[in-house]
């Protein structure tokens, strides 16, 4: 499934170099980080959803980091 493909989760390609992938990871992390959203005053449901997204984003980046190293 798409959820399991770390490249799809991060919106990048397996052909991208690690620096490019890391930039996408950092951008997504800033967009979906629960603390950032809390400071913006978004509803709790949105924060809970962002926590799930962050877990997927972090997991995807960890998987790619292992594959690329």
Protein backbone atom coordinates (compact mmCIF):
# COMPACT_ATOMS: atom_id res chain seq x y z
CA UNK A 1 0.00 0.00 0.00
CA UNK A 2 1.08 3.62 -0.52
CA UNK A 3 1.21 4.19 3.24
CA UNK A 4 4.01 1.65 3.53
CA UNK A 5 6.14 3.18 0.77
CA UNK A 6 8.38 5.67 2.56
CA UNK A 7 9.08 7.61 -0.64
CA UNK A 8 5.38 8.21 -1.23
CA UNK A 9 4.87 9.26 2.40
CA UNK A 10 7.58 11.91 1.99
CA UNK A 11 6.54 12.86 -1.55
CA UNK A 12 9.88 12.03 -3.10
CA UNK A 13 11.48 9.43 -5.36
CA UNK A 14 13.94 6.63 -4.67
CA UNK A 15 16.13 8.38 -7.27
CA UNK A 16 16.37 11.54 -5.14
CA UNK A 17 19.62 12.04 -3.27
CA UNK A 18 19.57 11.93 0.52
CA UNK A 19 19.93 15.72 0.88
CA UNK A 20 16.78 16.26 -1.21
CA UNK A 21 14.87 13.64 0.78
CA UNK A 22 16.03 15.20 4.05
CA UNK A 23 14.79 18.65 2.91
CA UNK A 24 11.35 17.20 2.14
CA UNK A 25 11.32 15.42 5.51
CA UNK A 26 12.18 18.64 7.37
CA UNK A 27 9.54 20.62 5.46
CA UNK A 28 6.84 18.03 6.24
CA UNK A 29 7.96 17.87 9.88
CA UNK A 30 7.49 21.62 10.26
CA UNK A 31 4.08 21.53 8.56
CA UNK A 32 2.69 18.65 10.63
CA UNK A 33 4.45 19.00 13.99
CA UNK A 34 1.81 18.92 16.77
CA UNK A 35 3.58 21.63 18.83
CA UNK A 36 3.55 24.03 15.87
CA UNK A 37 -0.14 23.36 15.28
CA UNK A 38 -0.96 23.78 18.99
CA UNK A 39 0.71 27.20 18.95
CA UNK A 40 -1.51 28.13 16.00
CA UNK A 41 -4.57 27.19 18.06
CA UNK A 42 -5.89 24.45 15.80
CA UNK A 43 -8.55 22.02 17.13
CA UNK A 44 -7.48 18.95 19.14
CA UNK A 45 -8.76 16.58 16.40
CA UNK A 46 -6.35 18.18 13.94
CA UNK A 47 -3.50 17.82 16.42
CA UNK A 48 -4.29 14.12 16.92
CA UNK A 49 -4.27 13.62 13.14
CA UNK A 50 -0.96 15.48 12.90
CA UNK A 51 0.55 13.12 15.49
CA UNK A 52 -0.36 10.16 13.24
CA UNK A 53 1.12 11.93 10.23
CA UNK A 54 4.32 12.72 12.14
CA UNK A 55 4.69 9.06 13.12
CA UNK A 56 4.35 8.08 9.44
CA UNK A 57 6.76 10.83 8.33
CA UNK A 58 9.37 9.88 10.95
CA UNK A 59 9.04 6.18 10.17
CA UNK A 60 9.38 6.82 6.43
CA UNK A 61 12.49 8.94 6.93
CA UNK A 62 14.05 6.30 9.22
CA UNK A 63 13.40 3.60 6.61
CA UNK A 64 14.95 5.66 3.82
CA UNK A 65 17.92 6.62 6.00
CA UNK A 66 18.61 2.91 6.61
CA UNK A 67 18.26 2.07 2.90
CA UNK A 68 20.49 4.94 1.76
CA UNK A 69 23.27 4.39 4.31
